[in-house]
Amino acid sequence: MKSEQEFLYAISAITLEIKTQFPDMSQYLGSPPLPDRTNPAITISTLRDYYASLAQFMLYYKRYHLQKIQSTQN
């Protein structure tokens, strides 16, 4: 299992990749998890879930982006 620092690094890396390779996608990024009354602490589970959502979103967007490029080339 990854540590909190490893998840924070992974989240930073994937966010940077999104912002540099797919800047138009940045507008759809949600805010990172923040503590609130129902979840007063950010846990490794919270970070893992947030990273997984970013990774899935980027994968979906890459597929969409590639399809869009391929359809314009045909």
Protein backbone atom coordinates (compact mmCIF):
# COMPACT_ATOMS: atom_id res chain seq x y z
CA MET A 1 0.00 0.00 0.00
CA LYS A 2 1.24 3.47 -0.83
CA SER A 3 1.98 5.97 1.89
CA GLU A 4 0.32 9.36 2.19
CA GLN A 5 3.40 11.03 0.68
CA GLU A 6 3.38 8.63 -2.27
CA PHE A 7 -0.27 9.36 -2.99
CA LEU A 8 0.32 13.11 -2.71
CA TYR A 9 3.22 12.81 -5.15
CA ALA A 10 1.15 10.68 -7.54
CA ILE A 11 -1.74 13.16 -7.38
CA SER A 12 0.64 16.04 -8.10
CA ALA A 13 2.21 14.16 -11.01
CA ILE A 14 -1.08 13.23 -12.66
CA THR A 15 -2.45 16.75 -12.14
CA LEU A 16 0.66 18.21 -13.78
CA GLU A 17 0.33 15.76 -16.67
CA ILE A 18 -3.29 16.78 -17.18
CA LYS A 19 -2.45 20.49 -17.08
CA THR A 20 0.48 20.19 -19.49
CA GLN A 21 -0.74 17.57 -21.97
CA PHE A 22 -4.47 18.25 -21.87
CA PRO A 23 -4.95 21.86 -20.72
CA ASP A 24 -8.56 21.94 -21.94
CA MET A 25 -9.28 19.08 -19.53
CA SER A 26 -8.16 21.19 -16.54
CA GLN A 27 -11.50 22.96 -16.39
CA TYR A 28 -13.19 19.67 -15.48
CA LEU A 29 -10.90 18.80 -12.60
CA GLY A 30 -12.64 18.84 -9.28
CA SER A 31 -11.00 20.25 -6.22
CA PRO A 32 -8.86 17.92 -4.15
CA PRO A 33 -10.48 16.41 -1.08
CA LEU A 34 -10.72 18.83 1.81
CA PRO A 35 -11.59 18.09 5.41
CA ASP A 36 -15.16 18.92 6.40
CA ARG A 37 -17.65 18.01 9.11
CA THR A 38 -18.42 14.57 7.70
CA ASN A 39 -14.76 13.78 6.93
CA PRO A 40 -12.64 15.78 9.36
CA ALA A 41 -9.37 14.19 8.22
CA ILE A 42 -7.86 13.33 4.88
CA THR A 43 -6.97 9.65 4.98
CA ILE A 44 -4.94 7.43 2.71
CA SER A 45 -8.23 5.99 1.53
CA THR A 46 -9.43 9.48 0.55
CA LEU A 47 -6.19 10.15 -1.33
CA ARG A 48 -6.34 6.76 -3.04
CA ASP A 49 -9.91 7.38 -4.18
CA TYR A 50 -9.07 10.87 -5.44
CA TYR A 51 -6.03 9.57 -7.34
CA ALA A 52 -8.11 6.75 -8.85
CA SER A 53 -10.76 9.24 -10.01
CA LEU A 54 -8.09 11.44 -11.64
CA ALA A 55 -6.49 8.44 -13.34
CA GLN A 56 -9.83 7.17 -14.64
CA PHE A 57 -10.83 10.61 -15.85
CA MET A 58 -7.51 11.04 -17.66
CA LEU A 59 -7.77 7.58 -19.25
CA TYR A 60 -11.27 8.34 -20.49
CA TYR A 61 -10.20 11.72 -21.80
CA LYS A 62 -7.15 10.26 -23.59
CA ARG A 63 -9.36 7.73 -25.33
CA TYR A 64 -11.84 10.43 -26.32
CA HIS A 65 -9.03 12.72 -27.47
CA LEU A 66 -7.44 9.96 -29.59
CA GLN A 67 -10.79 9.06 -31.15
CA LYS A 68 -11.38 12.71 -31.96
CA ILE A 69 -7.96 13.00 -33.62
CA GLN A 70 -8.45 9.78 -35.58
CA SER A 71 -11.90 10.81 -36.79
CA THR A 72 -10.58 14.13 -38.09
CA GLN A 73 -7.76 12.39 -39.95
CA ASN A 74 -10.13 10.07 -41.84
